[in-house]
Amino acid sequence: MANTSFVVVFVLSMLFGSFACSPREDKEPEPEFWENPAEIDLEAIKKRGYLRALVDNSSTSYYIYRGRTMGYEFELLRNLANHLGVGLRLIVRHDLEDAFRLLNKGKADIVAINFEVNEERRKYASFTEPVGHMKTVLVQRKDHTHLDSIAQLRQKSISIKRGTIYQQRLRSLSDSLELNISIKEENTSLEDLITQVVREEIDYTMVDDDIALVNATYYDNLDVSLMLSPANPVSWAVRKNAPELIGVINEWLARIKKTGYQAILFNKYFENKKNSYYRTSSAFSSVSGGRISNYDEIIKEGADLLGWDWRLLAALVYKESRFNHNAVSYAGAVGLLQLMPVTLQRFGVTDPNNPNESLRGGVNYLRYLDGFWLERVPDNTQRIKFILASYNVGHGHVQDAWRLAYKYGKDTRRWENVAYYLEKKSQPEIYRDPWVKSGYAKGHVTVRYVREVYGLYESYKVLVDF
């Protein structure tokens, strides 16, 4: 009995002792993602050199059509970036909470999605002056499920995009008219929900009228005439601690409305239904077909030989010829990859208008340039920029810029250091330097060329599957 008492006392003392020695762990609650937004305003964006904007991949916002980047929000944002004097990089998301999260973490600077502003959303961001007005409509089929009035929504099920204001609006509508509507939120895009209606996977969804009208132009069995809410102002989102950025955006919005630029774009994407139909239903649209051009297959074969992402080679082909195998430049360059006659002969192209031959010749030239720069620029990502520049202006001029970077102690393996001197090759003090062998060149044009090919490639990566 004594031994038992001793054991109990020992165990209790060990327990209390361990409690006494353990530090108290009162963890501070994690701040919400919107409470401490990244400190990035207009000057930081200008210093960085590009604006990061978050958009939706839709038939109106941002997509590829016949190799060209298009979209209402895309063109507005490109105009805004030009106004700010910076480049543009786009991020595609359909999850609205994720969009606000990226904005506050500093991964994006603006969310160019049409938001109706309410108190809940004001927690996450500041909002611009209205970029337009949107009403919401019911998307449904012209079949036995068709409804003619809001009252007929009684006890119906409507699928909507998660995180939108549609839930609040439908809930209010259902309660006020005692409709008992079943609301199903889905973490997907508005156009995916419209497609589900067309495929008879769901009967009804609710979207903004601009997207609804565009989709109705190429789905004959779609009806979007039943309005669920009147037109309300919509805005874009910016971090709450970026007053300079939101100020300049508001000034820009006032300007494009006054000049009529916004109205022209609106007509292009929403009111010209014939053009909208061709752009969004084409096999060469990232919205519907997922192809870039007629030549995707041979471009993929050429990219395999190069060890490139095929979308990068496609961006180069688009930049050179707009996928026109009969294209001829003012300087006499021909074919898909715009080779000069001497290059055609060197790389065995007998018929430059034959897309297979033209592409093969261009790929062989690119492989030659890859070998030329391989030892001096071992990193593949960096080397590709040297190759693109050489393809545009000739490797002799790029080599001159490389020599100048070496002369002045810069890291010659990095494109931005060589590009700095290439941009200056139109200046006499540069092209007359003894280290320069190939003379004058409009190097700034070539640096822009590399940037534009890579910019198009970035769009292809976002919008077109590998």
Protein backbone atom coordinates (compact mmCIF):
# COMPACT_ATOMS: atom_id res chain seq x y z
CA MET A 1 0.00 0.00 0.00
CA ALA A 2 2.83 2.34 0.86
CA ASN A 3 4.50 1.50 -2.45
CA THR A 4 1.27 2.24 -4.31
CA SER A 5 0.91 5.63 -2.59
CA PHE A 6 4.48 6.46 -3.46
CA VAL A 7 3.90 5.66 -7.14
CA VAL A 8 0.74 7.82 -7.27
CA VAL A 9 2.49 10.77 -5.60
CA PHE A 10 5.47 10.39 -7.96
CA VAL A 11 3.32 10.33 -11.07
CA LEU A 12 1.27 13.36 -9.96
CA SER A 13 4.41 15.31 -9.12
CA MET A 14 5.86 14.54 -12.55
CA LEU A 15 2.64 15.66 -14.25
CA PHE A 16 2.40 18.93 -12.32
CA GLY A 17 6.10 19.52 -12.81
CA SER A 18 5.83 19.04 -16.56
CA PHE A 19 2.91 21.50 -16.66
CA ALA A 20 4.88 24.02 -14.66
CA CYS A 21 7.93 23.74 -16.93
CA SER A 22 5.98 23.95 -20.19
CA PRO A 23 5.79 27.49 -21.51
CA ARG A 24 2.31 28.75 -22.06
CA GLU A 25 1.52 28.78 -25.74
CA ASP A 26 -1.02 31.48 -26.38
CA LYS A 27 -0.83 31.75 -30.16
CA GLU A 28 -1.80 35.04 -31.69
CA PRO A 29 -4.59 34.52 -34.23
CA GLU A 30 -3.37 34.63 -37.80
CA PRO A 31 -4.33 37.91 -39.48
CA GLU A 32 -6.82 37.67 -42.31
CA PHE A 33 -5.24 37.87 -45.76
CA TRP A 34 -6.62 41.36 -46.36
CA GLU A 35 -5.48 42.92 -43.06
CA ASN A 36 -1.81 43.55 -43.94
CA PRO A 37 -1.68 44.16 -47.71
CA ALA A 38 1.69 44.36 -49.46
CA GLU A 39 3.15 47.88 -49.61
CA ILE A 40 3.19 48.39 -53.37
CA ASP A 41 1.92 51.60 -54.94
CA LEU A 42 2.38 53.40 -58.26
CA GLU A 43 6.07 54.29 -57.93
CA ALA A 44 7.01 50.71 -57.05
CA ILE A 45 5.11 49.47 -60.12
CA LYS A 46 6.88 51.98 -62.35
CA LYS A 47 10.24 50.98 -60.89
CA ARG A 48 9.42 47.30 -61.48
CA GLY A 49 8.52 48.14 -65.07
CA TYR A 50 5.23 46.30 -65.50
CA LEU A 51 1.68 46.21 -64.18
CA ARG A 52 0.32 42.86 -62.95
CA ALA A 53 -3.38 42.54 -63.62
CA LEU A 54 -5.70 39.68 -62.78
CA VAL A 55 -8.42 38.84 -65.30
CA ASP A 56 -10.86 36.09 -66.18
CA ASN A 57 -10.24 33.86 -69.22
CA SER A 58 -13.45 34.35 -71.16
CA SER A 59 -14.78 35.20 -74.59
CA THR A 60 -14.83 38.85 -73.60
CA SER A 61 -11.95 39.36 -71.17
CA TYR A 62 -8.69 37.76 -72.38
CA TYR A 63 -8.08 35.07 -74.97
CA ILE A 64 -6.10 34.09 -78.05
CA TYR A 65 -7.64 34.28 -81.53
CA ARG A 66 -5.55 33.15 -84.51
CA GLY A 67 -2.41 33.70 -82.48
CA ARG A 68 -3.32 37.21 -81.42
CA THR A 69 -3.99 38.23 -77.82
CA MET A 70 -7.45 39.78 -77.56
CA GLY A 71 -10.19 40.71 -75.09
CA TYR A 72 -12.06 43.73 -73.77
CA GLU A 73 -10.28 43.85 -70.42
CA PHE A 74 -6.97 42.97 -72.09
CA GLU A 75 -7.17 45.95 -74.46
CA LEU A 76 -8.25 48.29 -71.68
CA LEU A 77 -5.38 47.13 -69.48
CA ARG A 78 -2.86 47.41 -72.31
CA ASN A 79 -4.00 51.01 -72.81
CA LEU A 80 -3.69 51.64 -69.06
CA ALA A 81 -0.18 50.14 -68.97
CA ASN A 82 0.86 52.36 -71.90
CA HIS A 83 -0.60 55.34 -70.05
CA LEU A 84 1.56 54.45 -67.02
CA GLY A 85 4.62 53.85 -69.19
CA VAL A 86 5.03 50.22 -68.10
CA GLY A 87 4.59 46.74 -69.52
CA LEU A 88 1.66 44.46 -68.79
CA ARG A 89 1.54 40.98 -67.29
CA LEU A 90 -1.78 39.18 -66.91
CA ILE A 91 -2.84 36.49 -64.45
CA VAL A 92 -5.93 34.39 -65.11
CA ARG A 93 -8.16 33.32 -62.22
CA HIS A 94 -11.85 32.52 -61.81
CA ASP A 95 -11.79 32.04 -58.01
CA LEU A 96 -12.66 35.47 -56.60
CA GLU A 97 -11.30 34.86 -53.11
CA ASP A 98 -8.03 33.72 -54.65
CA ALA A 99 -8.02 36.90 -56.74
CA PHE A 100 -8.34 39.11 -53.64
CA ARG A 101 -5.71 37.01 -51.86
CA LEU A 102 -3.17 37.48 -54.68
CA LEU A 103 -3.94 41.19 -54.77
CA ASN A 104 -3.26 41.67 -51.06
CA LYS A 105 -0.13 39.52 -51.13
CA GLY A 106 1.30 41.77 -53.81
CA LYS A 107 1.18 39.12 -56.55
CA ALA A 108 -1.19 41.32 -58.57
CA ASP A 109 -1.74 45.09 -58.65
CA ILE A 110 -5.27 45.26 -59.98
CA VAL A 111 -8.17 42.83 -60.34
CA ALA A 112 -9.80 43.72 -63.66
CA ILE A 113 -13.04 41.85 -63.03
CA ASN A 114 -16.37 43.65 -62.92
CA PHE A 115 -17.28 43.89 -59.24
CA GLU A 116 -20.44 45.31 -57.79
CA VAL A 117 -19.15 47.00 -54.66
CA ASN A 118 -20.63 46.09 -51.26
CA GLU A 119 -19.46 46.35 -47.66
CA GLU A 120 -18.15 42.78 -47.60
CA ARG A 121 -15.90 43.41 -50.58
CA ARG A 122 -14.69 46.73 -49.16
CA LYS A 123 -12.87 44.65 -46.51
CA TYR A 124 -10.71 43.10 -49.21
CA ALA A 125 -9.82 46.06 -51.43
CA SER A 126 -10.49 49.58 -52.65
CA PHE A 127 -12.48 50.01 -55.81
CA THR A 128 -12.09 52.30 -58.78
CA GLU A 129 -14.68 54.62 -60.17
CA PRO A 130 -17.20 52.57 -62.19
CA VAL A 131 -15.77 51.04 -65.35
CA GLY A 132 -19.31 50.41 -66.59
CA HIS A 133 -22.78 49.20 -65.65
CA MET A 134 -23.93 45.59 -65.68
CA LYS A 135 -27.29 43.91 -65.23
CA THR A 136 -27.69 40.22 -64.54
CA VAL A 137 -29.78 37.80 -66.54
CA LEU A 138 -30.94 34.21 -66.36
CA VAL A 139 -29.19 31.91 -68.83
CA GLN A 140 -31.48 29.08 -69.93
CA ARG A 141 -32.30 26.88 -72.89
CA LYS A 142 -35.11 27.28 -75.40
CA ASP A 143 -36.73 23.97 -74.49
CA HIS A 144 -39.27 22.56 -72.06
CA THR A 145 -37.30 24.04 -69.12
CA HIS A 146 -37.71 27.60 -70.42
CA LEU A 147 -39.10 30.23 -68.03
CA ASP A 148 -40.89 33.42 -69.03
CA SER A 149 -40.96 35.22 -65.71
CA ILE A 150 -39.15 35.48 -62.38
CA ALA A 151 -42.21 33.99 -60.64
CA GLN A 152 -41.61 30.73 -62.49
CA LEU A 153 -38.30 30.33 -60.64
CA ARG A 154 -40.27 28.97 -57.69
CA GLN A 155 -38.52 25.86 -56.31
CA LYS A 156 -36.05 25.84 -59.19
CA SER A 157 -32.30 25.22 -58.81
CA ILE A 158 -29.84 27.83 -60.09
CA SER A 159 -26.08 27.23 -60.28
CA ILE A 160 -23.92 30.33 -59.84
CA LYS A 161 -20.24 31.19 -59.63
CA ARG A 162 -18.88 31.02 -56.08
CA GLY A 163 -17.94 34.30 -54.41
CA THR A 164 -20.11 36.50 -56.62
CA ILE A 165 -22.82 38.91 -55.52
CA TYR A 166 -25.32 36.68 -57.32
CA GLN A 167 -25.98 34.60 -54.19
CA GLN A 168 -27.05 37.65 -52.17
CA ARG A 169 -29.20 38.89 -55.03
CA LEU A 170 -30.92 35.53 -55.58
CA ARG A 171 -31.44 35.05 -51.85
CA SER A 172 -33.11 38.46 -51.60
CA LEU A 173 -35.24 37.72 -54.66
CA SER A 174 -36.25 34.32 -53.35
CA ASP A 175 -37.14 35.65 -49.90
CA SER A 176 -39.08 38.69 -51.08
CA LEU A 177 -41.21 36.70 -53.53
CA GLU A 178 -41.24 33.46 -51.49
CA LEU A 179 -39.79 31.49 -54.40
CA ASN A 180 -37.78 28.96 -52.37
CA ILE A 181 -34.98 28.95 -54.97
CA SER A 182 -32.21 26.37 -54.49
CA ILE A 183 -28.85 28.11 -54.99
CA LYS A 184 -25.78 26.02 -55.84
CA GLU A 185 -22.39 27.72 -55.83
CA GLU A 186 -19.66 26.28 -58.08
CA ASN A 187 -15.98 27.19 -58.10
CA THR A 188 -15.77 27.63 -61.86
CA SER A 189 -15.97 30.31 -64.54
CA LEU A 190 -19.15 31.98 -65.76
CA GLU A 191 -18.65 30.57 -69.24
CA ASP A 192 -18.22 27.06 -67.90
CA LEU A 193 -21.63 27.43 -66.23
CA ILE A 194 -23.10 28.66 -69.51
CA THR A 195 -21.62 25.62 -71.25
CA GLN A 196 -23.20 23.38 -68.60
CA VAL A 197 -26.58 24.92 -69.46
CA VAL A 198 -26.01 24.28 -73.18
CA ARG A 199 -25.02 20.65 -72.48
CA GLU A 200 -28.12 20.19 -70.29
CA GLU A 201 -25.98 19.42 -67.24
CA ILE A 202 -27.78 22.22 -65.39
CA ASP A 203 -30.92 24.14 -66.36
CA TYR A 204 -30.16 27.68 -65.18
CA THR A 205 -27.33 30.00 -64.29
CA MET A 206 -27.03 33.72 -63.63
CA VAL A 207 -24.39 35.92 -65.29
CA ASP A 208 -23.71 39.51 -66.33
CA ASP A 209 -25.54 40.48 -69.48
CA ASP A 210 -22.40 41.27 -71.52
CA ILE A 211 -21.06 37.72 -71.26
CA ALA A 212 -24.57 36.31 -71.72
CA LEU A 213 -25.18 38.24 -74.96
CA VAL A 214 -21.85 37.21 -76.49
CA ASN A 215 -22.48 33.54 -75.72
CA ALA A 216 -26.02 33.76 -77.07
CA THR A 217 -24.60 34.71 -80.48
CA TYR A 218 -23.05 31.27 -80.99
CA TYR A 219 -25.42 29.00 -79.04
CA ASP A 220 -28.72 28.97 -80.93
CA ASN A 221 -30.60 27.18 -78.14
CA LEU A 222 -29.65 29.77 -75.49
CA ASP A 223 -32.04 32.39 -74.11
CA VAL A 224 -30.72 35.31 -72.04
CA SER A 225 -33.72 37.66 -72.16
CA LEU A 226 -34.99 37.26 -68.58
CA MET A 227 -33.45 40.05 -66.49
CA LEU A 228 -32.88 39.26 -62.81
CA SER A 229 -31.52 42.65 -61.74
CA PRO A 230 -31.27 46.13 -63.27
CA ALA A 231 -27.98 47.66 -64.40
CA ASN A 232 -25.66 48.50 -61.51
CA PRO A 233 -22.21 50.15 -61.55
CA VAL A 234 -19.20 47.81 -61.58
CA SER A 235 -15.59 48.56 -60.67
CA TRP A 236 -12.09 47.05 -60.58
CA ALA A 237 -10.23 46.28 -57.35
CA VAL A 238 -6.94 47.73 -56.09
CA ARG A 239 -5.13 47.28 -52.75
CA LYS A 240 -6.45 49.56 -50.02
CA ASN A 241 -2.99 51.03 -49.40
CA ALA A 242 -2.34 52.07 -53.03
CA PRO A 243 -3.96 55.55 -53.25
CA GLU A 244 -1.63 56.80 -56.01
CA LEU A 245 -2.42 53.82 -58.24
CA ILE A 246 -6.17 54.09 -57.80
CA GLY A 247 -5.97 57.84 -58.36
CA VAL A 248 -4.21 57.50 -61.72
CA ILE A 249 -6.57 54.67 -62.76
CA ASN A 250 -9.57 56.90 -62.05
CA GLU A 251 -8.01 59.72 -64.08
CA TRP A 252 -7.38 57.28 -66.94
CA LEU A 253 -10.97 55.97 -66.78
CA ALA A 254 -12.31 59.51 -67.08
CA ARG A 255 -10.04 60.12 -70.09
CA ILE A 256 -10.98 56.97 -72.07
CA LYS A 257 -14.66 57.65 -71.49
CA LYS A 258 -14.29 61.24 -72.68
CA THR A 259 -12.28 60.31 -75.80
CA GLY A 260 -14.65 57.49 -76.72
CA TYR A 261 -11.96 54.80 -76.60
CA GLN A 262 -13.92 52.66 -74.15
CA ALA A 263 -17.08 52.93 -76.25
CA ILE A 264 -15.15 51.77 -79.35
CA LEU A 265 -13.86 48.71 -77.49
CA PHE A 266 -17.30 47.96 -76.10
CA ASN A 267 -18.72 47.99 -79.62
CA LYS A 268 -15.92 45.75 -80.86
CA TYR A 269 -16.45 43.03 -78.25
CA PHE A 270 -20.12 43.23 -77.31
CA GLU A 271 -22.19 44.97 -79.96
CA ASN A 272 -20.56 43.54 -83.10
CA LYS A 273 -22.07 40.09 -82.60
CA LYS A 274 -20.86 38.69 -85.93
CA ASN A 275 -17.21 39.36 -85.09
CA SER A 276 -17.72 38.06 -81.56
CA TYR A 277 -19.15 34.84 -82.96
CA TYR A 278 -16.20 34.20 -85.27
CA ARG A 279 -13.63 35.05 -82.61
CA THR A 280 -15.09 32.89 -79.88
CA SER A 281 -16.36 29.90 -81.86
CA SER A 282 -13.27 29.48 -84.03
CA ALA A 283 -11.06 26.41 -83.70
CA PHE A 284 -8.23 28.94 -83.38
CA SER A 285 -9.66 30.59 -80.28
CA SER A 286 -8.40 29.66 -76.81
CA VAL A 287 -12.00 29.99 -75.63
CA SER A 288 -13.43 27.25 -77.84
CA GLY A 289 -10.90 25.41 -80.01
CA GLY A 290 -7.65 25.57 -78.07
CA ARG A 291 -5.55 25.78 -81.26
CA ILE A 292 -3.26 28.67 -82.14
CA SER A 293 -2.90 28.19 -85.89
CA ASN A 294 -3.24 25.86 -88.87
CA TYR A 295 0.38 24.90 -88.30
CA ASP A 296 0.33 23.78 -84.66
CA GLU A 297 1.42 20.22 -85.52
CA ILE A 298 4.53 21.17 -87.53
CA ILE A 299 5.36 23.90 -85.01
CA LYS A 300 5.30 21.25 -82.27
CA GLU A 301 7.63 19.04 -84.32
CA GLY A 302 10.03 21.94 -84.84
CA ALA A 303 9.90 22.86 -81.14
CA ASP A 304 10.82 19.26 -80.23
CA LEU A 305 13.97 19.57 -82.37
CA LEU A 306 14.84 22.82 -80.60
CA GLY A 307 13.92 21.64 -77.12
CA TRP A 308 11.54 24.60 -76.80
CA ASP A 309 8.02 24.92 -75.51
CA TRP A 310 6.02 24.81 -78.76
CA ARG A 311 4.08 27.88 -77.70
CA LEU A 312 7.31 29.90 -77.74
CA LEU A 313 8.03 28.86 -81.32
CA ALA A 314 4.38 29.62 -82.19
CA ALA A 315 4.82 33.13 -80.73
CA LEU A 316 7.89 33.63 -82.93
CA VAL A 317 6.03 32.42 -86.04
CA TYR A 318 3.13 34.77 -85.29
CA LYS A 319 5.52 37.68 -84.76
CA GLU A 320 7.28 36.96 -88.06
CA SER A 321 4.39 36.16 -90.43
CA ARG A 322 1.04 36.13 -88.56
CA PHE A 323 0.92 32.44 -89.64
CA ASN A 324 0.79 33.47 -93.31
CA HIS A 325 3.02 31.05 -95.25
CA ASN A 326 2.92 33.40 -98.28
CA ALA A 327 4.07 36.45 -96.34
CA VAL A 328 6.83 38.58 -97.91
CA SER A 329 8.51 41.45 -96.03
CA TYR A 330 9.69 44.76 -97.52
CA ALA A 331 13.26 43.41 -97.25
CA GLY A 332 12.46 40.22 -99.16
CA ALA A 333 12.11 37.80 -96.24
CA VAL A 334 9.56 35.07 -97.00
CA GLY A 335 7.55 32.25 -95.47
CA LEU A 336 6.30 31.40 -92.00
CA LEU A 337 9.57 32.34 -90.32
CA GLN A 338 10.50 35.14 -92.77
CA LEU A 339 13.89 33.89 -93.92
CA MET A 340 16.08 35.94 -96.23
CA PRO A 341 17.14 34.31 -99.56
CA VAL A 342 20.72 33.72 -98.41
CA THR A 343 19.46 31.97 -95.26
CA LEU A 344 16.99 29.91 -97.27
CA GLN A 345 19.79 28.67 -99.48
CA ARG A 346 22.12 28.00 -96.56
CA PHE A 347 19.58 25.85 -94.73
CA GLY A 348 18.27 23.95 -97.73
CA VAL A 349 14.89 25.58 -98.35
CA THR A 350 13.94 25.34 -102.05
CA ASP A 351 10.28 26.36 -101.73
CA PRO A 352 9.89 29.08 -99.06
CA ASN A 353 6.11 29.16 -99.53
CA ASN A 354 5.85 25.52 -98.50
CA PRO A 355 5.05 25.78 -94.76
CA ASN A 356 6.87 22.54 -93.92
CA GLU A 357 10.06 23.61 -95.70
CA SER A 358 9.88 27.16 -94.43
CA LEU A 359 9.45 26.09 -90.84
CA ARG A 360 12.17 23.44 -91.10
CA GLY A 361 14.61 26.01 -92.50
CA GLY A 362 13.78 28.46 -89.74
CA VAL A 363 14.20 25.79 -87.08
CA ASN A 364 17.58 24.79 -88.52
CA TYR A 365 18.66 28.42 -88.37
CA LEU A 366 17.49 28.68 -84.76
CA ARG A 367 19.45 25.52 -83.94
CA TYR A 368 22.55 27.09 -85.49
CA LEU A 369 22.07 30.20 -83.34
CA ASP A 370 21.58 28.01 -80.27
CA GLY A 371 24.95 26.38 -80.93
CA PHE A 372 26.56 29.78 -81.50
CA TRP A 373 25.54 31.04 -78.04
CA LEU A 374 25.66 27.77 -76.10
CA GLU A 375 29.06 28.14 -74.42
CA ARG A 376 28.76 31.86 -73.72
CA VAL A 377 25.21 31.64 -72.33
CA PRO A 378 24.72 28.22 -70.65
CA ASP A 379 21.32 28.99 -69.11
CA ASN A 380 18.60 27.94 -71.56
CA THR A 381 16.09 30.64 -70.61
CA GLN A 382 18.66 33.39 -71.00
CA ARG A 383 20.10 31.89 -74.19
CA ILE A 384 16.71 31.83 -75.91
CA LYS A 385 16.57 35.64 -75.66
CA PHE A 386 20.00 35.89 -77.30
CA ILE A 387 18.74 33.54 -80.03
CA LEU A 388 15.58 35.58 -80.65
CA ALA A 389 17.58 38.80 -80.84
CA SER A 390 20.06 37.21 -83.24
CA TYR A 391 17.20 35.92 -85.37
CA ASN A 392 15.85 39.45 -85.64
CA VAL A 393 18.95 41.57 -86.19
CA GLY A 394 21.76 39.07 -86.86
CA HIS A 395 24.10 37.48 -84.35
CA GLY A 396 26.94 39.87 -85.32
CA HIS A 397 25.12 42.85 -83.80
CA VAL A 398 24.17 40.88 -80.67
CA GLN A 399 27.79 39.75 -80.39
CA ASP A 400 28.87 43.42 -80.52
CA ALA A 401 26.59 44.17 -77.57
CA TRP A 402 27.97 41.09 -75.79
CA ARG A 403 31.53 42.44 -76.28
CA LEU A 404 30.57 45.83 -74.88
CA ALA A 405 28.99 44.22 -71.84
CA TYR A 406 32.23 42.28 -71.35
CA LYS A 407 34.30 45.43 -71.83
CA TYR A 408 32.41 47.24 -69.07
CA GLY A 409 32.51 44.35 -66.61
CA LYS A 410 28.88 43.24 -66.85
CA ASP A 411 27.67 39.65 -66.57
CA THR A 412 27.52 38.69 -70.25
CA ARG A 413 25.41 35.60 -69.51
CA ARG A 414 22.41 37.77 -68.68
CA TRP A 415 20.26 39.17 -71.46
CA GLU A 416 19.37 42.45 -69.73
CA ASN A 417 23.07 43.42 -69.56
CA VAL A 418 23.67 42.73 -73.25
CA ALA A 419 20.30 44.27 -74.21
CA TYR A 420 21.41 47.52 -72.54
CA TYR A 421 24.24 47.93 -75.05
CA LEU A 422 22.26 46.57 -77.98
CA GLU A 423 19.66 49.32 -77.44
CA LYS A 424 22.47 51.89 -77.78
CA LYS A 425 23.87 50.57 -81.08
CA SER A 426 22.23 53.40 -83.02
CA GLN A 427 24.38 55.93 -81.14
CA PRO A 428 27.68 56.94 -82.85
CA GLU A 429 29.72 56.70 -79.65
CA ILE A 430 28.61 53.08 -79.36
CA TYR A 431 28.68 51.73 -82.94
CA ARG A 432 32.08 53.43 -83.53
CA ASP A 433 33.62 51.79 -80.47
CA PRO A 434 36.65 49.63 -81.49
CA TRP A 435 35.02 46.63 -79.81
CA VAL A 436 32.08 46.88 -82.24
CA LYS A 437 32.57 44.95 -85.50
CA SER A 438 29.16 45.10 -87.22
CA GLY A 439 28.46 48.83 -86.98
CA TYR A 440 25.13 50.61 -86.72
CA ALA A 441 21.91 48.81 -85.75
CA LYS A 442 18.47 49.80 -84.50
CA GLY A 443 19.06 47.72 -81.41
CA HIS A 444 16.13 49.17 -79.51
CA VAL A 445 13.81 47.62 -82.10
CA THR A 446 15.36 44.21 -81.49
CA VAL A 447 15.10 44.51 -77.71
CA ARG A 448 11.42 45.36 -78.12
CA TYR A 449 11.06 42.41 -80.52
CA VAL A 450 12.39 39.97 -77.91
CA ARG A 451 10.10 41.47 -75.28
CA GLU A 452 7.06 41.20 -77.56
CA VAL A 453 7.74 37.58 -78.55
CA TYR A 454 8.15 36.66 -74.89
CA GLY A 455 5.04 38.62 -73.95
CA LEU A 456 2.98 36.73 -76.52
CA TYR A 457 4.52 33.48 -75.31
CA GLU A 458 3.44 34.29 -71.74
CA SER A 459 -0.12 34.77 -72.99
CA TYR A 460 0.00 31.48 -74.89
CA LYS A 461 1.24 29.69 -71.76
CA VAL A 462 -1.71 31.00 -69.76
CA LEU A 463 -4.39 30.39 -72.36
CA VAL A 464 -3.28 27.41 -74.48
CA ASP A 465 -2.53 23.92 -73.14
CA PHE A 466 0.96 22.49 -73.61
